[in-house]
C-alpha atoms as a PDB file:
ATOM      1  CA  LEU A   1       0.000   0.000   0.000  1.00  0.00           C
ATOM      2  CA  CYS A   2       2.790   2.441   0.900  1.00  0.00           C
ATOM      3  CA  GLY A   3       4.588   1.557  -2.333  1.00  0.00           C
ATOM      4  CA  CYS A   4       1.496   2.304  -4.407  1.00  0.00           C
ATOM      5  CA  LEU A   5       0.972   5.632  -2.660  1.00  0.00           C
ATOM      6  CA  SER A   6       4.606   6.694  -3.133  1.00  0.00           C
ATOM      7  CA  LEU A   7       4.543   5.591  -6.762  1.00  0.00           C
ATOM      8  CA  THR A   8       1.469   7.708  -7.583  1.00  0.00           C
ATOM      9  CA  LEU A   9       1.878  10.722  -5.286  1.00  0.00           C
ATOM     10  CA  TRP A  10       5.631  11.361  -4.961  1.00  0.00           C
ATOM     11  CA  ASP A  11       7.594  13.233  -7.593  1.00  0.00           C
ATOM     12  CA  GLU A  12      11.099  11.965  -8.261  1.00  0.00           C
ATOM     13  CA  ASN A  13      14.018  14.312  -7.562  1.00  0.00           C
ATOM     14  CA  TYR A  14      16.194  13.783 -10.627  1.00  0.00           C
ATOM     15  CA  GLY A  15      18.631  16.605  -9.994  1.00  0.00           C
ATOM     16  CA  ASP A  16      20.840  17.787 -12.836  1.00  0.00           C
ATOM     17  CA  GLN A  17      20.892  15.132 -15.529  1.00  0.00           C
ATOM     18  CA  ARG A  18      24.086  16.619 -16.970  1.00  0.00           C
ATOM     19  CA  LYS A  19      25.972  15.654 -13.831  1.00  0.00           C
ATOM     20  CA  ARG A  20      25.079  11.993 -14.001  1.00  0.00           C
ATOM     21  CA  ASP A  21      27.906   9.574 -14.598  1.00  0.00           C
ATOM     22  CA  THR A  22      27.418   8.337 -18.159  1.00  0.00           C
ATOM     23  CA  LYS A  23      30.984   7.040 -18.516  1.00  0.00           C
ATOM     24  CA  SER A  24      30.459   3.946 -16.398  1.00  0.00           C
ATOM     25  CA  SER A  25      30.388   0.766 -18.431  1.00  0.00           C
ATOM     26  CA  GLN A  26      27.697  -0.694 -16.218  1.00  0.00           C
ATOM     27  CA  SER A  27      25.264   2.184 -16.764  1.00  0.00           C
ATOM     28  CA  THR A  28      23.720   0.851 -19.951  1.00  0.00           C
ATOM     29  CA  ASN A  29      20.438   2.688 -19.597  1.00  0.00           C
ATOM     30  CA  SER A  30      21.653   6.087 -18.376  1.00  0.00           C
ATOM     31  CA  LEU A  31      19.867   9.084 -19.739  1.00  0.00           C
ATOM     32  CA  SER A  32      21.709  11.303 -22.193  1.00  0.00           C
ATOM     33  CA  ASP A  33      22.937  14.750 -21.209  1.00  0.00           C
ATOM     34  CA  ASP A  34      20.241  16.536 -23.174  1.00  0.00           C
ATOM     35  CA  ALA A  35      17.376  14.354 -22.019  1.00  0.00           C
ATOM     36  CA  GLY A  36      15.186  15.692 -19.265  1.00  0.00           C
ATOM     37  CA  PRO A  37      13.280  13.726 -16.671  1.00  0.00           C
ATOM     38  CA  SER A  38      10.325  11.652 -17.751  1.00  0.00           C
ATOM     39  CA  ASN A  39       6.842  13.052 -17.375  1.00  0.00           C
ATOM     40  CA  SER A  40       5.511   9.846 -15.871  1.00  0.00           C
ATOM     41  CA  THR A  41       6.800   9.045 -12.423  1.00  0.00           C
ATOM     42  CA  GLY A  42       5.661   5.427 -12.668  1.00  0.00           C
ATOM     43  CA  GLU A  43       7.407   4.867 -15.991  1.00  0.00           C
ATOM     44  CA  SER A  44      10.596   6.492 -14.666  1.00  0.00           C
ATOM     45  CA  CYS A  45      10.636   4.321 -11.541  1.00  0.00           C
ATOM     46  CA  PHE A  46      10.010   1.184 -13.575  1.00  0.00           C
ATOM     47  CA  SER A  47      12.677   2.034 -16.148  1.00  0.00           C
ATOM     48  CA  GLY A  48      15.201   2.827 -13.421  1.00  0.00           C
ATOM     49  CA  PHE A  49      14.499  -0.384 -11.550  1.00  0.00           C
ATOM     50  CA  SER A  50      14.546  -2.539 -14.683  1.00  0.00           C
ATOM     51  CA  GLY A  51      17.789  -0.912 -15.828  1.00  0.00           C
ATOM     52  CA  ALA A  52      19.389  -1.581 -12.441  1.00  0.00           C
ATOM     53  CA  ALA A  53      18.197  -5.189 -12.611  1.00  0.00           C
ATOM     54  CA  ARG A  54      19.861  -5.595 -16.016  1.00  0.00           C
ATOM     55  CA  VAL A  55      23.100  -4.159 -14.642  1.00  0.00           C
ATOM     56  CA  VAL A  56      23.033  -6.576 -11.691  1.00  0.00           C
ATOM     57  CA  TRP A  57      22.339  -9.507 -13.983  1.00  0.00           C
ATOM     58  CA  SER A  58      25.053  -8.618 -16.498  1.00  0.00           C
ATOM     59  CA  ASN A  59      27.843  -7.665 -14.075  1.00  0.00           C
ATOM     60  CA  ASN A  60      29.256 -10.552 -12.065  1.00  0.00           C
ATOM     61  CA  GLU A  61      30.977  -8.393  -9.432  1.00  0.00           C
ATOM     62  CA  ILE A  62      27.801  -6.454  -8.663  1.00  0.00           C
ATOM     63  CA  ARG A  63      25.827  -9.674  -8.466  1.00  0.00           C
ATOM     64  CA  LEU A  64      28.349 -11.316  -6.123  1.00  0.00           C
ATOM     65  CA  ALA A  65      28.453  -8.270  -3.847  1.00  0.00           C
ATOM     66  CA  GLY A  66      24.678  -8.351  -3.504  1.00  0.00           C
ATOM     67  CA  ILE A  67      24.512 -12.051  -2.713  1.00  0.00           C
ATOM     68  CA  ILE A  68      27.353 -11.809  -0.185  1.00  0.00           C
ATOM     69  CA  SER A  69      25.827  -8.846   1.636  1.00  0.00           C
ATOM     70  CA  SER A  70      22.420 -10.532   1.756  1.00  0.00           C
ATOM     71  CA  LEU A  71      23.874 -13.728   3.192  1.00  0.00           C
ATOM     72  CA  PHE A  72      25.828 -11.999   5.943  1.00  0.00           C
ATOM     73  CA  GLU A  73      23.183  -9.458   6.886  1.00  0.00           C
ATOM     74  CA  GLY A  74      20.535 -12.178   6.835  1.00  0.00           C
ATOM     75  CA  SER A  75      22.637 -14.187   9.296  1.00  0.00           C
ATOM     76  CA  MET A  76      23.034 -11.043  11.388  1.00  0.00           C
ATOM     77  CA  TYR A  77      19.263 -10.553  11.607  1.00  0.00           C
ATOM     78  CA  VAL A  78      18.733 -14.210  12.473  1.00  0.00           C
ATOM     79  CA  PHE A  79      21.265 -13.719  15.259  1.00  0.00           C
ATOM     80  CA  VAL A  80      19.264 -10.712  16.497  1.00  0.00           C
ATOM     81  CA  PHE A  81      16.159 -12.884  16.740  1.00  0.00           C
ATOM     82  CA  MET A  82      17.842 -15.903  18.300  1.00  0.00           C
ATOM     83  CA  TRP A  83      20.491 -14.693  20.727  1.00  0.00           C
ATOM     84  CA  THR A  84      17.993 -14.166  23.547  1.00  0.00           C
ATOM     85  CA  PRO A  85      16.505 -17.701  23.576  1.00  0.00           C
ATOM     86  CA  ALA A  86      19.954 -19.172  22.965  1.00  0.00           C
ATOM     87  CA  ILE A  87      21.316 -17.968  26.312  1.00  0.00           C
ATOM     88  CA  ASN A  88      18.052 -17.941  28.266  1.00  0.00           C
ATOM     89  CA  THR A  89      17.855 -21.485  29.649  1.00  0.00           C
ATOM     90  CA  ASP A  90      15.002 -22.728  31.811  1.00  0.00           C
ATOM     91  CA  ASP A  91      17.128 -24.012  34.668  1.00  0.00           C
ATOM     92  CA  GLU A  92      18.862 -20.692  35.312  1.00  0.00           C
ATOM     93  CA  GLU A  93      17.840 -17.193  36.295  1.00  0.00           C
ATOM     94  CA  ASP A  94      17.135 -14.648  33.615  1.00  0.00           C
ATOM     95  CA  PRO A  95      20.467 -13.281  32.375  1.00  0.00           C
ATOM     96  CA  PRO A  96      21.122  -9.510  32.443  1.00  0.00           C
ATOM     97  CA  PHE A  97      20.066  -8.762  28.884  1.00  0.00           C
ATOM     98  CA  GLY A  98      20.933  -5.073  29.178  1.00  0.00           C
ATOM     99  CA  PHE A  99      24.549  -5.750  30.114  1.00  0.00           C
ATOM    100  CA  ILE A 100      24.786  -8.436  27.435  1.00  0.00           C
ATOM    101  CA  PHE A 101      23.530  -6.065  24.750  1.00  0.00           C
ATOM    102  CA  SER A 102      25.969  -3.406  25.931  1.00  0.00           C
ATOM    103  CA  THR A 103      28.771  -5.939  25.607  1.00  0.00           C
ATOM    104  CA  PHE A 104      27.687  -6.648  22.041  1.00  0.00           C
ATOM    105  CA  MET A 105      27.834  -2.968  21.168  1.00  0.00           C
ATOM    106  CA  VAL A 106      31.312  -2.600  22.652  1.00  0.00           C
ATOM    107  CA  CYS A 107      32.514  -5.589  20.621  1.00  0.00           C
ATOM    108  CA  CYS A 108      30.971  -4.111  17.485  1.00  0.00           C
ATOM    109  CA  MET A 109      32.821  -0.838  18.086  1.00  0.00           C
ATOM    110  CA  ALA A 110      36.040  -2.787  18.674  1.00  0.00           C
ATOM    111  CA  GLY A 111      35.565  -4.493  15.313  1.00  0.00           C
ATOM    112  CA  SER A 112      35.322  -1.147  13.528  1.00  0.00           C
ATOM    113  CA  SER A 113      38.516   0.018  15.234  1.00  0.00           C
ATOM    114  CA  PHE A 114      40.272  -3.226  14.321  1.00  0.00           C
ATOM    115  CA  PHE A 115      39.314  -2.687  10.671  1.00  0.00           C
ATOM    116  CA  SER A 116      41.009   0.722  10.802  1.00  0.00           C
ATOM    117  CA  VAL A 117      44.164  -0.911  12.132  1.00  0.00           C
ATOM    118  CA  LEU A 118      44.210  -3.545   9.379  1.00  0.00           C
ATOM    119  CA  THR A 119      43.762  -0.971   6.619  1.00  0.00           C
ATOM    120  CA  SER A 120      46.101   1.665   8.048  1.00  0.00           C
ATOM    121  CA  GLU A 121      48.372   3.316   5.505  1.00  0.00           C
ATOM    122  CA  HIS A 122      51.195   3.516   8.050  1.00  0.00           C
ATOM    123  CA  SER A 123      51.723  -0.251   8.144  1.00  0.00           C
ATOM    124  CA  MET A 124      54.182  -2.013   5.840  1.00  0.00           C
ATOM    125  CA  PHE A 125      51.494  -4.387   4.564  1.00  0.00           C
ATOM    126  CA  GLN A 126      48.012  -2.965   4.153  1.00  0.00           C
ATOM    127  CA  ILE A 127      45.502  -5.823   3.967  1.00  0.00           C
ATOM    128  CA  LYS A 128      43.134  -5.572   1.023  1.00  0.00           C
ATOM    129  CA  THR A 129      39.449  -5.111   1.687  1.00  0.00           C
ATOM    130  CA  GLU A 130      38.527  -8.289  -0.189  1.00  0.00           C
ATOM    131  CA  ALA A 131      40.895 -10.331   1.979  1.00  0.00           C
ATOM    132  CA  ILE A 132      39.412  -8.834   5.139  1.00  0.00           C
ATOM    133  CA  GLY A 133      35.989  -9.885   3.893  1.00  0.00           C
ATOM    134  CA  ILE A 134      37.120 -13.489   3.567  1.00  0.00           C
ATOM    135  CA  GLY A 135      38.386 -13.456   7.146  1.00  0.00           C
ATOM    136  CA  ILE A 136      35.115 -11.937   8.373  1.00  0.00           C
ATOM    137  CA  PHE A 137      32.867 -14.477   6.671  1.00  0.00           C
ATOM    138  CA  ALA A 138      35.031 -17.501   7.469  1.00  0.00           C
ATOM    139  CA  THR A 139      35.316 -16.520  11.125  1.00  0.00           C
ATOM    140  CA  SER A 140      31.573 -15.904  11.362  1.00  0.00           C
ATOM    141  CA  ALA A 141      30.819 -19.282   9.797  1.00  0.00           C
ATOM    142  CA  ILE A 142      33.048 -21.037  12.343  1.00  0.00           C
ATOM    143  CA  LEU A 143      31.410 -19.149  15.213  1.00  0.00           C
ATOM    144  CA  PHE A 144      27.893 -20.092  14.105  1.00  0.00           C
ATOM    145  CA  GLY A 145      28.972 -23.688  13.703  1.00  0.00           C
ATOM    146  CA  ILE A 146      30.233 -23.706  17.281  1.00  0.00           C
ATOM    147  CA  MET A 147      27.048 -22.053  18.562  1.00  0.00           C
ATOM    148  CA  ALA A 148      24.895 -24.568  16.695  1.00  0.00           C
ATOM    149  CA  MET A 149      26.601 -27.530  18.394  1.00  0.00           C
ATOM    150  CA  SER A 150      27.440 -25.982  21.766  1.00  0.00           C
ATOM    151  CA  THR A 151      25.614 -26.910  24.968  1.00  0.00           C
ATOM    152  CA  SER A 152      27.540 -24.430  27.108  1.00  0.00           C
ATOM    153  CA  THR A 153      25.994 -21.031  27.677  1.00  0.00           C
ATOM    154  CA  SER A 154      29.394 -19.474  28.417  1.00  0.00           C
ATOM    155  CA  LEU A 155      30.878 -20.766  25.162  1.00  0.00           C
ATOM    156  CA  THR A 156      27.854 -19.564  23.205  1.00  0.00           C
ATOM    157  CA  PHE A 157      28.082 -16.125  24.783  1.00  0.00           C
ATOM    158  CA  GLY A 158      31.785 -15.881  23.968  1.00  0.00           C
ATOM    159  CA  CYS A 159      31.122 -16.776  20.330  1.00  0.00           C
ATOM    160  CA  MET A 160      28.394 -14.149  20.191  1.00  0.00           C
ATOM    161  CA  ASN A 161      30.815 -11.464  21.330  1.00  0.00           C
ATOM    162  CA  VAL A 162      33.374 -12.458  18.713  1.00  0.00           C
ATOM    163  CA  PHE A 163      30.638 -12.429  16.071  1.00  0.00           C
ATOM    164  CA  GLU A 164      29.788  -8.864  17.051  1.00  0.00           C
ATOM    165  CA  VAL A 165      33.423  -7.975  16.395  1.00  0.00           C
ATOM    166  CA  THR A 166      33.046  -9.350  12.864  1.00  0.00           C
ATOM    167  CA  VAL A 167      29.838  -7.325  12.470  1.00  0.00           C
ATOM    168  CA  GLY A 168      31.759  -4.176  13.348  1.00  0.00           C
ATOM    169  CA  MET A 169      34.355  -5.057  10.720  1.00  0.00           C
ATOM    170  CA  TYR A 170      31.760  -6.004   8.099  1.00  0.00           C
ATOM    171  CA  PHE A 171      30.057  -2.652   7.589  1.00  0.00           C
ATOM    172  CA  PRO A 172      33.151  -0.607   6.609  1.00  0.00           C
ATOM    173  CA  THR A 173      34.426  -3.538   4.554  1.00  0.00           C
ATOM    174  CA  MET A 174      31.245  -3.957   2.548  1.00  0.00           C
ATOM    175  CA  GLY A 175      30.778  -0.198   2.302  1.00  0.00           C
ATOM    176  CA  ILE A 176      34.162   0.145   0.600  1.00  0.00           C
ATOM    177  CA  LEU A 177      33.518  -2.788  -1.727  1.00  0.00           C
ATOM    178  CA  LYS A 178      30.112  -1.509  -2.784  1.00  0.00           C
ATOM    179  CA  SER A 179      31.473   1.981  -3.412  1.00  0.00           C
ATOM    180  CA  GLN A 180      34.103   0.476  -5.720  1.00  0.00           C
ATOM    181  CA  ILE A 181      31.816  -1.999  -7.498  1.00  0.00           C
ATOM    182  CA  VAL A 182      28.356  -0.458  -7.772  1.00  0.00           C
ATOM    183  CA  PRO A 183      28.040   2.479 -10.250  1.00  0.00           C
ATOM    184  CA  GLU A 184      27.051   5.684  -8.505  1.00  0.00           C
ATOM    185  CA  CYS A 185      24.333   6.691 -10.966  1.00  0.00           C
ATOM    186  CA  GLN A 186      22.350   3.502 -10.228  1.00  0.00           C
ATOM    187  CA  ARG A 187      23.453   2.848  -6.658  1.00  0.00           C
ATOM    188  CA  SER A 188      20.087   3.553  -5.036  1.00  0.00           C
ATOM    189  CA  ALA A 189      18.140   1.177  -7.299  1.00  0.00           C
ATOM    190  CA  ILE A 190      20.772  -1.562  -7.050  1.00  0.00           C
ATOM    191  CA  TYR A 191      20.820  -1.337  -3.247  1.00  0.00           C
ATOM    192  CA  ASN A 192      17.043  -1.814  -3.278  1.00  0.00           C
ATOM    193  CA  ILE A 193      17.520  -4.959  -5.357  1.00  0.00           C
ATOM    194  CA  TYR A 194      20.060  -6.177  -2.812  1.00  0.00           C
ATOM    195  CA  ARG A 195      17.363  -5.967  -0.115  1.00  0.00           C
ATOM    196  CA  ILE A 196      15.058  -8.427  -1.899  1.00  0.00           C
ATOM    197  CA  PRO A 197      16.974 -11.623  -0.967  1.00  0.00           C
ATOM    198  CA  LEU A 198      17.781 -10.123   2.437  1.00  0.00           C
ATOM    199  CA  ASN A 199      14.099  -9.603   3.224  1.00  0.00           C
ATOM    200  CA  PHE A 200      13.355 -13.105   1.973  1.00  0.00           C
ATOM    201  CA  ILE A 201      15.890 -14.581   4.411  1.00  0.00           C
ATOM    202  CA  VAL A 202      14.470 -12.546   7.295  1.00  0.00           C
ATOM    203  CA  LEU A 203      10.887 -13.564   6.513  1.00  0.00           C
ATOM    204  CA  MET A 204      11.821 -17.230   6.266  1.00  0.00           C
ATOM    205  CA  SER A 205      13.516 -17.061   9.645  1.00  0.00           C
ATOM    206  CA  LEU A 206      10.397 -15.528  11.180  1.00  0.00           C
ATOM    207  CA  LEU A 207       7.859 -17.823   9.503  1.00  0.00           C
ATOM    208  CA  THR A 208       9.690 -21.065  10.262  1.00  0.00           C
ATOM    209  CA  ASP A 209       9.657 -22.522  13.745  1.00  0.00           C
ATOM    210  CA  LEU A 210      13.359 -23.265  14.071  1.00  0.00           C
ATOM    211  CA  THR A 211      15.224 -23.673  17.320  1.00  0.00           C
ATOM    212  CA  PRO A 212      18.267 -21.455  18.011  1.00  0.00           C
ATOM    213  CA  SER A 213      20.608 -24.350  17.214  1.00  0.00           C
ATOM    214  CA  GLN A 214      18.882 -25.016  13.901  1.00  0.00           C
ATOM    215  CA  SER A 215      18.895 -21.314  13.014  1.00  0.00           C
ATOM    216  CA  PHE A 216      22.594 -21.049  13.797  1.00  0.00           C
ATOM    217  CA  GLY A 217      23.195 -24.093  11.607  1.00  0.00           C
ATOM    218  CA  VAL A 218      21.453 -22.370   8.703  1.00  0.00           C
ATOM    219  CA  CYS A 219      23.584 -19.279   9.329  1.00  0.00           C
ATOM    220  CA  PHE A 220      26.687 -21.492   9.211  1.00  0.00           C
ATOM    221  CA  LEU A 221      25.691 -22.694   5.743  1.00  0.00           C
ATOM    222  CA  MET A 222      24.923 -19.181   4.503  1.00  0.00           C
ATOM    223  CA  LEU A 223      28.199 -17.763   5.774  1.00  0.00           C
ATOM    224  CA  SER A 224      30.157 -20.678   4.313  1.00  0.00           C
ATOM    225  CA  LEU A 225      28.615 -19.843   0.958  1.00  0.00           C
ATOM    226  CA  ALA A 226      29.432 -16.157   1.501  1.00  0.00           C
ATOM    227  CA  THR A 227      33.071 -17.067   2.180  1.00  0.00           C
ATOM    228  CA  PHE A 228      33.287 -19.008  -1.085  1.00  0.00           C
ATOM    229  CA  LEU A 229      31.662 -16.199  -3.082  1.00  0.00           C
ATOM    230  CA  GLN A 230      33.945 -13.622  -1.481  1.00  0.00           C
ATOM    231  CA  TRP A 231      36.922 -15.729  -2.545  1.00  0.00           C
ATOM    232  CA  LYS A 232      35.619 -15.715  -6.126  1.00  0.00           C
ATOM    233  CA  LEU A 233      35.080 -11.957  -5.956  1.00  0.00           C
ATOM    234  CA  MET A 234      38.615 -11.380  -4.710  1.00  0.00           C
ATOM    235  CA  LEU A 235      40.115 -13.508  -7.474  1.00  0.00           C
ATOM    236  CA  GLN A 236      38.057 -11.735 -10.103  1.00  0.00           C
ATOM    237  CA  ARG A 237      38.996  -8.262  -8.871  1.00  0.00           C
ATOM    238  CA  SER A 238      42.693  -9.136  -8.557  1.00  0.00           C
ATOM    239  CA  SER A 239      42.979 -10.762 -11.992  1.00  0.00           C
ATOM    240  CA  GLY A 240      45.655  -9.058 -14.046  1.00  0.00           C
ATOM    241  CA  ASN A 241      47.474  -7.620 -11.018  1.00  0.00           C
ATOM    242  CA  ASN A 242      51.037  -8.733 -10.401  1.00  0.00           C
ATOM    243  CA  GLY A 243      51.001  -8.020  -6.668  1.00  0.00           C
ATOM    244  CA  SER A 244      49.625 -10.083  -3.838  1.00  0.00           C
ATOM    245  CA  ILE A 245      45.896 -10.733  -3.646  1.00  0.00           C
ATOM    246  CA  TRP A 246      45.981 -10.439   0.152  1.00  0.00           C
ATOM    247  CA  TYR A 247      47.733  -7.161   0.893  1.00  0.00           C
ATOM    248  CA  VAL A 248      49.033  -3.958  -0.685  1.00  0.00           C
ATOM    249  CA  GLU A 249      52.805  -3.840  -0.609  1.00  0.00           C
ATOM    250  CA  ARG A 250      54.310  -0.648   0.740  1.00  0.00           C
ATOM    251  CA  PRO A 251      57.663   0.667  -0.511  1.00  0.00           C
ATOM    252  CA  SER A 252      60.499   0.035   1.895  1.00  0.00           C
ATOM    253  CA  VAL A 253      62.582   2.770   3.505  1.00  0.00           C
ATOM    254  CA  VAL A 254      65.458   2.059   1.121  1.00  0.00           C
ATOM    255  CA  ASP A 255      63.207   2.465  -1.903  1.00  0.00           C
ATOM    256  CA  GLU A 256      61.847   5.736  -0.563  1.00  0.00           C
ATOM    257  CA  GLU A 257      65.376   7.072   0.033  1.00  0.00           C
ATOM    258  CA  GLN A 258      66.399   6.097  -3.500  1.00  0.00           C
ATOM    259  CA  ASP A 259      63.353   7.885  -4.904  1.00  0.00           C
ATOM    260  CA  GLU A 260      64.224  11.004  -2.887  1.00  0.00           C
ATOM    261  CA  ASN A 261      67.816  10.931  -4.163  1.00  0.00           C
ATOM    262  CA  ILE A 262      66.587  10.643  -7.741  1.00  0.00           C
ATOM    263  CA  ASP A 263      64.272  13.619  -7.242  1.00  0.00           C
ATOM    264  CA  ILE A 264      67.097  15.692  -5.725  1.00  0.00           C
ATOM    265  CA  GLN A 265      69.417  14.846  -8.619  1.00  0.00           C
ATOM    266  CA  ALA A 266      66.746  15.724 -11.144  1.00  0.00           C
ATOM    267  CA  LYS A 267      66.139  19.104  -9.523  1.00  0.00           C
ATOM    268  CA  THR A 268      69.863  19.988  -9.095  1.00  0.00           C
ATOM    269  CA  PRO A 269      71.038  22.370 -11.891  1.00  0.00           C
ATOM    270  CA  LEU A 270      74.072  21.365 -13.917  1.00  0.00           C
ATOM    271  CA  VAL A 271      77.244  23.433 -13.192  1.00  0.00           C
ATOM    272  CA  ASN A 272      79.727  23.784 -16.012  1.00  0.00           C
ATOM    273  CA  SER A 273      83.224  23.070 -14.878  1.00  0.00           C
ATOM    274  CA  VAL A 274      85.861  25.633 -15.799  1.00  0.00           C
END
């Protein structure tokens, strides 16, 4: 109902069509510089959505990024629904949910800080974003596998905290990847397409009567698939590069000194000897 009302009553803010990025190879249906916005809001929304769907279908990197983000974020939402019954056993007192949630938020913040450390430009080896993604998804899959088989509340709670660290690392990682992969002129429509499988995963988790262990097992399978797809995405993006696929090599101190000496020699004027 809300979608029908917005489609018929809201006018689209197109902005300046001349500023749109028409040089991107993925933007196959971009409007020309001289073309103005369509008179029909419904036709414009449909054409924009269908064009974004064609871009997602034709570009493997965009398609992989969408599937990976849906798998991880779907597992994250399943975790949100299931962490309370997973640690709330019948033979114990009610745990302090407020303190537990605060612990999760601190771990999430620690994950974001750890991502900054891994991608710092001051380190000799700056880990690539794609490689960090593989570590995030593989670690999360292992944690959900442990939680699915664990009978210890303490072990389950520890795995939950580590998973929140991976959540804190995920958002800047995926934000960087999407900014590099998804074309800016169609980013809004493509992100809406990404939410379709995510919403499907969330609805299935709510409509099915799965226990926390079974839900964590499903998350283990989804994150294992996300790890494999992230590996394919990293190989595809690093094809043709001679350097390492895991990190960005920084020039050593000796190389920097040699470059400085070359610059000094190039700037020094020649003096004619008498």
